Protein backbone atom coordinates (compact mmCIF):
# COMPACT_ATOMS: atom_id res chain seq x y z
CA MET A 1 0.03 0.00 -0.04
CA SER A 2 1.16 2.86 -0.84
CA ASP A 3 1.72 6.64 1.80
CA ILE A 4 -1.48 7.89 1.98
CA LEU A 5 -1.02 10.10 4.68
CA SER A 6 1.68 11.53 2.48
CA VAL A 7 -0.56 11.86 -0.10
CA ALA A 8 -3.72 13.33 1.64
CA LYS A 9 -1.13 16.31 3.62
CA LYS A 10 0.42 17.03 -0.61
CA GLN A 11 -3.23 17.31 -1.72
CA VAL A 12 -4.83 19.76 1.14
CA GLU A 13 -1.58 21.80 0.60
CA TYR A 14 -2.86 22.27 -2.54
CA GLY A 15 -6.03 23.44 -1.65
CA VAL A 16 -5.08 25.92 0.67
CA SER A 17 -2.94 27.37 -2.05
CA LEU A 18 -6.26 27.86 -4.16
CA GLY A 19 -7.36 30.32 -1.54
CA ALA A 20 -9.69 27.60 0.81
CA ASP A 21 -10.34 28.73 4.44
CA GLN A 22 -9.86 25.38 5.90
CA VAL A 23 -9.67 21.60 4.21
CA GLU A 24 -9.95 18.06 4.32
CA VAL A 25 -8.63 15.07 2.54
CA TYR A 26 -9.79 11.89 3.81
CA VAL A 27 -8.13 8.60 1.81
CA VAL A 28 -8.63 4.83 1.61
CA ASN A 29 -7.04 2.12 -0.02
CA GLN A 30 -8.85 -1.50 0.84
CA SER A 31 -8.26 -5.06 0.02
CA GLN A 32 -11.84 -7.33 0.02
CA ALA A 33 -12.09 -10.97 0.02
CA ARG A 34 -14.76 -12.07 -0.15
CA LEU A 35 -17.57 -15.28 -0.74
CA ASN A 36 -21.02 -16.50 -0.70
CA ILE A 37 -22.44 -19.97 -1.16
CA SER A 38 -25.95 -21.21 -1.64
CA ASN A 39 -26.94 -24.79 -1.47
CA ALA A 40 -23.44 -25.39 0.33
CA HIS A 41 -21.58 -24.42 -3.16
CA ILE A 42 -19.73 -22.28 -3.81
CA VAL A 43 -21.12 -19.45 -6.15
CA GLY A 44 -18.82 -16.83 -5.80
CA GLY A 45 -16.01 -15.08 -4.34
CA ASP A 46 -13.35 -12.69 -5.46
CA VAL A 47 -10.28 -10.74 -3.89
CA LEU A 48 -11.03 -6.40 -4.60
CA ASP A 49 -8.25 -3.87 -3.84
CA VAL A 50 -10.52 -0.11 -4.21
CA GLY A 51 -8.61 2.84 -3.16
CA GLY A 52 -10.27 6.44 -3.50
CA ALA A 53 -10.73 9.53 -1.46
CA GLY A 54 -12.89 12.04 0.06
CA VAL A 55 -12.59 15.73 -0.03
CA ARG A 56 -13.96 18.70 1.97
CA VAL A 57 -13.22 22.24 1.59
CA TYR A 58 -14.23 25.29 3.80
CA LYS A 59 -14.63 28.83 1.92
CA ASN A 60 -16.56 31.80 3.88
CA LYS A 61 -18.68 29.21 6.22
CA ALA A 62 -19.35 27.47 2.99
CA LEU A 63 -19.04 23.41 2.06
CA GLY A 64 -17.52 21.95 -1.38
CA LEU A 65 -17.00 18.34 -1.32
CA ALA A 66 -15.92 16.40 -3.44
CA SER A 67 -14.56 12.59 -4.40
CA THR A 68 -13.00 10.19 -6.35
CA THR A 69 -12.07 6.16 -7.14
CA ARG A 70 -8.28 7.28 -8.14
CA LEU A 71 -6.01 8.63 -6.12
CA GLU A 72 -3.85 10.40 -8.93
CA ASP A 73 -7.20 12.63 -9.82
CA LEU A 74 -7.11 13.59 -6.15
CA LYS A 75 -6.01 17.28 -7.53
CA GLU A 76 -8.91 17.55 -9.41
CA ALA A 77 -11.09 16.44 -6.90
CA VAL A 78 -9.27 19.44 -4.51
CA GLU A 79 -9.90 21.44 -7.11
CA LYS A 80 -13.69 20.60 -7.95
CA ALA A 81 -14.55 21.39 -4.33
CA TYR A 82 -12.38 24.50 -3.88
CA LYS A 83 -14.81 25.78 -6.76
CA MET A 84 -17.86 24.54 -4.79
CA ALA A 85 -16.84 26.17 -2.37
CA LYS A 86 -17.31 29.40 -3.76
CA GLY A 87 -20.65 29.16 -5.12
CA THR A 88 -22.22 27.79 -2.52
CA THR A 89 -24.41 29.72 0.23
CA LYS A 90 -22.38 29.44 3.68
CA ASP A 91 -23.66 27.29 6.41
CA PRO A 92 -23.86 29.66 9.84
CA LEU A 93 -23.59 26.78 11.72
CA PHE A 94 -20.27 26.29 10.94
CA LYS A 95 -17.32 26.76 13.02
CA THR A 96 -14.22 24.84 12.38
CA LEU A 97 -13.12 21.00 11.19
CA PRO A 98 -11.16 19.41 14.47
CA GLU A 99 -7.30 20.19 15.34
CA ALA A 100 -4.32 18.25 15.70
CA ASN A 101 -4.41 16.30 19.23
CA GLN A 102 -3.11 13.32 20.37
CA TYR A 103 -4.54 9.78 20.70
CA THR A 104 -5.01 6.58 22.78
CA PRO A 105 -3.87 3.41 21.14
CA VAL A 106 -5.89 0.90 21.01
CA ASP A 107 -4.59 -3.09 20.07
CA GLY A 108 -5.75 -5.23 18.43
CA LEU A 109 -6.95 -3.81 15.16
CA TYR A 110 -4.31 -5.39 12.80
CA ASP A 111 -3.39 -9.00 12.69
CA LYS A 112 -1.15 -9.72 10.21
CA LYS A 113 -2.45 -13.95 10.43
CA LEU A 114 -5.81 -12.00 9.06
CA ALA A 115 -3.98 -9.85 6.79
CA GLU A 116 -2.28 -13.27 5.22
CA VAL A 117 -4.47 -15.61 5.35
CA SER A 118 -5.37 -17.22 1.76
CA PHE A 119 -8.69 -17.23 -0.67
CA GLU A 120 -8.76 -20.85 -0.53
CA ASP A 121 -7.68 -20.86 3.53
CA LEU A 122 -11.14 -19.12 4.27
CA SER A 123 -13.04 -20.84 1.99
CA MET A 124 -11.89 -24.31 3.12
CA ARG A 125 -12.49 -22.86 6.72
CA LEU A 126 -15.87 -21.47 5.59
CA MET A 127 -16.86 -24.73 4.42
CA GLU A 128 -16.23 -26.42 7.28
CA GLY A 129 -19.28 -24.52 8.92
CA VAL A 130 -21.38 -25.30 5.97
CA LYS A 131 -20.81 -28.47 6.43
CA ILE A 132 -22.14 -29.26 10.33
CA ALA A 133 -25.32 -26.41 9.04
CA SER A 134 -26.00 -29.39 6.60
CA GLY A 135 -26.51 -31.89 8.80
CA ASP A 136 -27.44 -34.77 6.83
CA ASN A 137 -28.85 -33.40 3.71
CA ASP A 138 -31.20 -32.05 5.47
CA TYR A 139 -30.52 -28.86 5.36
CA VAL A 140 -30.45 -25.78 2.65
CA VAL A 141 -27.31 -23.98 3.37
CA SER A 142 -26.32 -20.22 2.26
CA ALA A 143 -22.85 -18.55 3.68
CA GLY A 144 -20.81 -15.64 3.32
CA LEU A 145 -17.59 -13.89 4.31
CA THR A 146 -15.60 -11.15 3.60
CA ARG A 147 -12.75 -9.74 4.41
CA SER A 148 -11.19 -6.60 4.84
CA ILE A 149 -7.60 -4.65 4.77
CA ASN A 150 -8.49 -1.44 5.28
CA GLU A 151 -5.68 1.73 5.58
CA ILE A 152 -6.56 5.01 5.81
CA GLY A 153 -5.13 8.85 5.88
CA ILE A 154 -6.45 11.77 7.29
CA ALA A 155 -4.64 15.46 6.64
CA ASN A 156 -6.43 18.65 6.88
CA SER A 157 -5.57 22.16 7.06
CA LEU A 158 -5.01 22.61 11.54
CA GLY A 159 -2.11 20.03 11.72
CA VAL A 160 -4.23 17.12 11.97
CA GLU A 161 -2.02 14.48 10.26
CA CYS A 162 -3.55 10.39 11.18
CA SER A 163 -3.09 6.92 9.51
CA TYR A 164 -3.99 3.57 10.28
CA ILE A 165 -4.54 0.38 9.10
CA GLY A 166 -6.81 -2.73 10.50
CA THR A 167 -8.33 -6.45 9.18
CA ASN A 168 -11.19 -7.42 10.54
CA ILE A 169 -13.41 -10.31 8.91
CA SER A 170 -17.26 -11.22 9.25
CA GLY A 171 -19.20 -14.62 8.23
CA SER A 172 -22.60 -15.68 8.45
CA ILE A 173 -23.58 -19.35 8.07
CA SER A 174 -27.50 -19.62 7.84
CA SER A 175 -29.65 -23.33 7.41
CA LYS A 176 -33.27 -23.31 5.95
CA LEU A 177 -35.35 -26.82 7.29
CA GLU A 178 -38.83 -27.23 5.54
CA ARG A 179 -41.29 -30.09 6.85
CA GLY A 180 -43.87 -29.72 4.49
CA GLU A 181 -45.51 -25.58 3.83
CA ASP A 182 -44.00 -25.76 7.87
CA VAL A 183 -40.08 -23.52 7.04
CA ALA A 184 -37.52 -22.75 10.12
CA VAL A 185 -34.22 -21.08 9.59
CA GLY A 186 -31.47 -20.25 11.70
CA ARG A 187 -28.20 -18.50 11.26
CA GLY A 188 -25.16 -17.75 13.10
CA ILE A 189 -21.91 -15.15 12.74
CA THR A 190 -18.84 -14.99 13.67
CA MET A 191 -16.95 -11.48 13.93
CA GLY A 192 -14.13 -10.25 14.59
CA ARG A 193 -10.78 -8.36 13.96
CA SER A 194 -8.10 -11.37 14.13
CA LEU A 195 -7.58 -14.87 12.12
CA SER A 196 -8.28 -16.36 16.06
CA LYS A 197 -12.08 -14.86 15.58
CA PHE A 198 -13.27 -16.24 12.65
CA ASP A 199 -15.12 -19.47 14.01
CA PRO A 200 -17.39 -21.02 10.97
CA VAL A 201 -17.93 -24.23 12.64
CA LYS A 202 -19.23 -22.66 15.76
CA ALA A 203 -21.48 -20.25 13.08
CA GLY A 204 -22.93 -23.02 11.75
CA ASN A 205 -23.11 -25.57 14.54
CA GLU A 206 -25.73 -21.91 15.26
CA ALA A 207 -27.24 -22.37 12.56
CA ILE A 208 -28.70 -25.67 12.38
CA SER A 209 -29.47 -26.17 16.47
CA LYS A 210 -31.63 -22.74 15.26
CA ALA A 211 -33.45 -24.13 12.85
CA THR A 212 -33.73 -27.21 13.80
CA ALA A 213 -35.65 -25.45 17.14
CA ARG A 214 -37.76 -23.03 15.44
CA ILE A 215 -39.37 -26.28 13.38
CA GLY A 216 -43.39 -25.91 13.57
CA ALA A 217 -43.87 -22.26 14.38
CA SER A 218 -47.44 -21.30 15.53
CA LYS A 219 -49.93 -17.92 15.66
CA VAL A 220 -50.14 -16.16 19.13
CA ASP A 221 -52.85 -14.29 20.40
CA SER A 222 -52.80 -10.48 20.16
CA GLY A 223 -52.33 -8.43 23.58
CA THR A 224 -49.82 -6.95 26.22
CA MET A 225 -47.27 -9.20 26.80
CA ASP A 226 -43.58 -9.21 28.20
CA LEU A 227 -40.92 -9.10 25.93
CA ILE A 228 -36.90 -11.28 26.68
CA ILE A 229 -34.71 -9.77 24.53
CA ASP A 230 -31.31 -12.31 23.82
CA TYR A 231 -28.14 -10.60 23.44
CA ARG A 232 -27.43 -9.66 19.54
CA GLY A 233 -30.95 -8.19 20.33
CA THR A 234 -30.22 -6.17 23.09
CA ARG A 235 -26.62 -4.22 21.14
CA SER A 236 -29.41 -3.76 18.32
CA SER A 237 -32.66 -1.82 20.17
CA ILE A 238 -30.34 -0.24 22.56
CA GLY A 239 -28.07 0.85 19.56
CA SER A 240 -30.63 1.58 17.49
CA VAL A 241 -32.58 4.00 20.44
CA LEU A 242 -29.90 5.25 21.55
CA GLY A 243 -27.90 5.82 18.31
CA VAL A 244 -30.96 8.15 17.03
CA GLY A 245 -32.00 9.38 20.15
CA VAL A 246 -28.15 11.05 21.60
CA ASN A 247 -26.72 11.53 17.83
CA GLY A 248 -25.15 15.21 18.33
CA LEU A 249 -26.95 15.87 14.21
CA ASN A 250 -30.50 14.86 14.88
CA VAL A 251 -30.27 17.08 17.97
CA ALA A 252 -28.87 19.70 16.80
CA LEU A 253 -31.27 19.81 14.16
CA GLY A 254 -34.21 19.26 15.87
CA THR A 255 -35.27 15.72 15.36
CA SER A 256 -33.73 13.55 18.09
CA PHE A 257 -36.94 12.59 20.84
CA LEU A 258 -33.59 12.86 23.58
CA SER A 259 -33.33 16.91 22.21
CA ASP A 260 -34.00 18.74 26.34
CA ASN A 261 -33.09 15.35 28.34
CA ILE A 262 -29.15 15.95 29.48
CA GLY A 263 -29.37 15.52 33.24
CA ASP A 264 -32.81 13.33 33.41
CA MET A 265 -33.70 10.21 34.38
CA ILE A 266 -34.03 8.63 30.21
CA ALA A 267 -34.55 5.19 31.63
CA THR A 268 -35.16 2.32 34.15
CA GLU A 269 -31.99 2.82 36.65
CA SER A 270 -30.85 -0.73 36.70
CA LEU A 271 -29.33 0.43 32.54
CA THR A 272 -26.07 2.13 31.95
CA VAL A 273 -24.50 2.42 28.72
CA ILE A 274 -21.11 2.99 27.93
CA ASP A 275 -19.45 3.57 23.94
CA ASP A 276 -15.56 2.41 23.84
CA PRO A 277 -13.92 3.72 20.86
CA HIS A 278 -10.49 1.27 23.04
CA VAL A 279 -11.11 -2.26 23.28
CA VAL A 280 -9.28 -4.14 22.40
CA GLY A 281 -9.78 -5.89 19.20
CA GLY A 282 -13.61 -4.14 18.78
CA LEU A 283 -15.13 -3.97 15.13
CA GLY A 284 -16.07 -0.19 16.23
CA SER A 285 -12.62 0.68 17.95
CA ARG A 286 -10.20 3.24 16.34
CA SER A 287 -7.61 6.03 18.37
CA PHE A 288 -9.45 8.70 16.05
CA ASP A 289 -12.43 9.32 14.34
CA VAL A 290 -13.20 9.84 10.09
CA GLU A 291 -12.24 13.18 11.11
CA GLY A 292 -8.59 12.79 12.80
CA CYS A 293 -10.73 13.64 15.98
CA PRO A 294 -9.57 11.73 18.81
CA SER A 295 -11.99 9.08 19.43
CA THR A 296 -12.88 8.83 23.43
CA GLN A 297 -15.09 6.55 25.66
CA LEU A 298 -18.69 7.51 26.67
CA GLU A 299 -20.99 6.83 29.25
CA ILE A 300 -24.30 7.69 27.75
CA VAL A 301 -26.36 6.67 29.86
CA GLU A 302 -25.44 6.29 34.04
CA LYS A 303 -28.27 4.12 36.44
CA GLY A 304 -31.47 5.76 33.92
CA VAL A 305 -29.94 8.91 33.71
CA LEU A 306 -28.91 10.63 29.70
CA LYS A 307 -24.98 12.04 30.59
CA THR A 308 -24.05 13.39 26.85
CA PHE A 309 -24.38 13.25 23.19
CA VAL A 310 -22.27 12.12 20.82
CA THR A 311 -20.78 14.02 18.06
CA ASP A 312 -18.86 14.73 15.22
CA SER A 313 -16.93 18.47 14.54
CA TYR A 314 -20.38 19.68 12.75
CA SER A 315 -22.54 18.97 15.50
CA SER A 316 -20.13 19.89 18.15
CA GLY A 317 -19.75 23.25 16.91
CA CYS A 318 -23.38 23.87 15.93
CA LEU A 319 -24.25 22.99 19.63
CA GLY A 320 -21.48 24.25 21.55
CA ILE A 321 -20.96 21.42 23.77
CA ALA A 322 -17.30 19.13 22.93
CA ASN A 323 -16.36 16.73 20.13
CA THR A 324 -16.46 13.52 21.20
CA GLY A 325 -14.86 11.51 18.57
CA ASN A 326 -17.55 10.09 17.19
CA ALA A 327 -17.73 10.89 13.41
CA SER A 328 -18.26 8.18 10.97
CA LYS A 329 -18.86 8.13 6.78
CA ARG A 330 -21.05 6.68 4.59
CA SER A 331 -18.77 6.88 1.87
CA LEU A 332 -16.72 8.35 0.75
CA THR A 333 -19.02 11.19 -1.19
CA SER A 334 -20.91 11.96 1.79
CA LYS A 335 -20.71 14.34 5.28
CA PRO A 336 -19.60 12.65 8.28
CA SER A 337 -22.04 12.35 10.80
CA PRO A 338 -22.29 10.84 14.83
CA SER A 339 -22.56 7.74 14.97
CA LEU A 340 -21.55 4.45 18.42
CA THR A 341 -19.47 2.60 18.22
CA ASN A 342 -18.87 -0.57 20.40
CA LEU A 343 -21.35 -0.89 22.59
CA ILE A 344 -21.36 -1.61 26.22
CA VAL A 345 -24.03 -2.46 28.28
CA THR A 346 -23.72 -2.81 32.26
CA PRO A 347 -24.87 -6.69 33.62
CA GLY A 348 -27.65 -7.35 35.64
CA SER A 349 -28.52 -9.89 38.51
CA TRP A 350 -30.62 -12.21 36.53
CA SER A 351 -30.06 -15.63 34.92
CA PHE A 352 -31.68 -16.00 31.69
CA GLU A 353 -33.29 -18.32 32.50
CA GLU A 354 -34.74 -16.64 35.57
CA LEU A 355 -35.61 -14.07 32.71
CA ILE A 356 -38.13 -16.85 31.26
CA LYS A 357 -39.26 -18.43 34.74
CA GLU A 358 -40.58 -15.22 35.75
CA THR A 359 -42.63 -14.71 32.69
CA LYS A 360 -46.10 -15.39 32.76
CA GLN A 361 -47.40 -13.86 29.40
CA GLY A 362 -44.91 -12.88 26.80
CA ILE A 363 -42.60 -13.14 23.20
CA LEU A 364 -39.01 -14.23 23.72
CA MET A 365 -37.42 -12.14 20.40
CA GLU A 366 -33.72 -13.64 18.80
CA ASP A 367 -30.94 -12.31 16.70
CA SER A 368 -32.81 -8.89 16.38
CA GLY A 369 -33.83 -6.14 18.00
CA LEU A 370 -36.34 -2.88 17.97
CA GLY A 371 -35.40 -0.31 15.99
CA ALA A 372 -36.18 3.52 15.99
CA ARG A 373 -37.05 4.99 13.21
CA GLY A 374 -36.25 8.53 12.31
CA ASN A 375 -38.41 10.79 13.59
CA SER A 376 -41.24 8.74 15.04
CA THR A 377 -41.01 7.66 18.74
CA ASN A 378 -43.03 4.74 17.54
CA ILE A 379 -41.62 1.24 17.34
CA SER A 380 -43.05 -0.69 15.03
CA SER A 381 -40.88 -4.22 14.93
CA MET A 382 -41.89 -7.94 13.40
CA VAL A 383 -40.05 -10.72 15.50
CA ASN A 384 -38.23 -12.67 12.59
CA SER A 385 -37.40 -15.58 15.12
CA GLY A 386 -38.97 -16.11 18.11
CA TYR A 387 -40.89 -17.81 20.75
CA TYR A 388 -43.99 -18.21 22.46
CA VAL A 389 -43.59 -17.71 26.85
CA GLU A 390 -46.12 -18.73 28.97
CA ASN A 391 -46.66 -19.62 32.97
CA GLY A 392 -41.96 -19.91 32.59
CA GLU A 393 -41.61 -22.16 29.78
CA ILE A 394 -41.18 -21.61 25.88
CA ILE A 395 -44.83 -23.12 24.64
CA HIS A 396 -43.70 -23.12 21.10
CA PRO A 397 -41.86 -21.17 17.87
CA VAL A 398 -44.01 -17.90 17.13
CA LYS A 399 -45.17 -16.50 13.53
CA ASN A 400 -46.15 -13.31 11.79
CA THR A 401 -45.89 -11.86 15.21
CA MET A 402 -45.53 -8.17 15.35
CA ILE A 403 -44.24 -6.66 18.92
CA GLY A 404 -44.88 -2.77 19.34
CA THR A 405 -44.01 0.27 21.60
CA THR A 406 -42.04 3.47 21.86
CA VAL A 407 -38.70 4.16 22.99
CA PHE A 408 -39.62 6.13 26.31
CA ASN A 409 -41.61 2.73 27.22
CA PHE A 410 -38.41 0.74 25.86
CA LEU A 411 -35.99 2.29 28.10
CA LYS A 412 -38.07 3.14 31.19
CA ASN A 413 -39.83 -0.70 30.99
CA ILE A 414 -36.49 -2.26 31.39
CA GLY A 415 -37.38 -5.12 33.91
CA GLY A 416 -34.88 -7.21 33.93
CA LEU A 417 -30.91 -7.63 32.71
CA THR A 418 -29.12 -10.61 33.07
CA LYS A 419 -25.56 -10.94 34.81
CA ASP A 420 -23.80 -12.19 32.11
CA VAL A 421 -23.04 -10.81 29.21
CA LEU A 422 -22.58 -12.11 24.60
CA THR A 423 -19.19 -10.03 24.34
CA GLU A 424 -18.67 -10.06 20.42
CA GLY A 425 -17.34 -7.87 17.93
CA GLY A 426 -16.01 -5.70 20.48
CA SER A 427 -19.79 -4.79 21.62
CA SER A 428 -20.88 -6.17 25.01
CA THR A 429 -24.68 -7.14 25.84
CA PRO A 430 -26.99 -8.78 28.34
CA ALA A 431 -30.25 -9.75 27.63
CA LEU A 432 -33.24 -8.15 29.05
CA LYS A 433 -36.90 -8.83 29.64
CA LEU A 434 -38.87 -5.93 28.81
CA LYS A 435 -42.07 -4.87 30.12
CA ASN A 436 -46.13 -4.32 28.23
CA VAL A 437 -45.38 -4.04 25.28
CA LYS A 438 -47.98 -4.31 22.42
CA VAL A 439 -48.08 -8.14 20.57
CA SER A 440 -49.61 -8.68 17.36
CA GLY A 441 -49.95 -12.03 16.82
CA GLY A 442 -52.25 -12.79 13.64
CA ARG A 443 -54.27 -15.14 15.11
């Protein structure tokens, strides 16, 4: 890989020479191996090397954006962004890009073994999991993996100069079992930044066991009951609800349902949530965000009290609060916006079995969670994989079942958190029980 930080610094200097007030250049090189399996046969695979750069230029508080997938064309992208900034209306809310700072080193972001493992070896490993998930050929299996090596360089005209190289791998295996018109699907996943975290055998066992358990699903009566959300579902649910609510850009735009709630009790006292970008080997771990601002560990909710929002340079300037270093980008052409990194939810005192045993009537939701949607405070989610619970026992898998609640009820009606947690991809979350949700069972 080339010295992309030098490339970024050179084009920042060029942007300033054109007359820009502030310039940022974000350069990325990526090598990606991908594999897809259907019906237990490899149907697609490739190794792809891609690169590119995103440019932001400010002139008189007006923003110009440009990008390129060819680094040899980066100079032209800087010129394009500068011309755009000169011809665009200024943004009075913009304050400044980040300044140079010190970064906390984070371990476990790059694994040489994962970077150097062959495509053939990855394929063989994944097929081991697929074979397990196929059982005695009664199951239809699909699978996929992506291994990435990412190099990023960021420079701006305020002195930010930082670079990073990291590896990650993610894979999934799905087993589908059919019994007449009855169809059940189970999915196992594996993820991490090192080759040692890639465990398709475990994913295959998870997929086939879940598919087997979910056969025989039936509808349930509609009503108000409890909802038990498993460990991954907790990660998804809390990440979604708080990810929308504490997003500094949403707060600045007036679209967050938590805009005026710093210092308020927004959740049950048992809920403490930390955003930690410094977890060793976490998928969301990093020393700095996509703007080169130092990433910081944040206690977002402490015993039910909202403590902070997560920000990037723009939203922190709008709100007049500290930049928490949570900027992320969806693409080279997009403006940064705040997002969570690794979610750490403090465990409770229940066992998973106790959550079920103490449920008179409820739904156990697996592998998916509740999601906040845009400006709405309402939550409506399908239970794609779950079970009906009655008098402390799991009765049967469910189908055509929908859950309804609000973001406020979700946060305040958490009736129990497990003492054991699932640590996966850098996040650590317990399972939880949510009281009094609306269930539409289709019967």
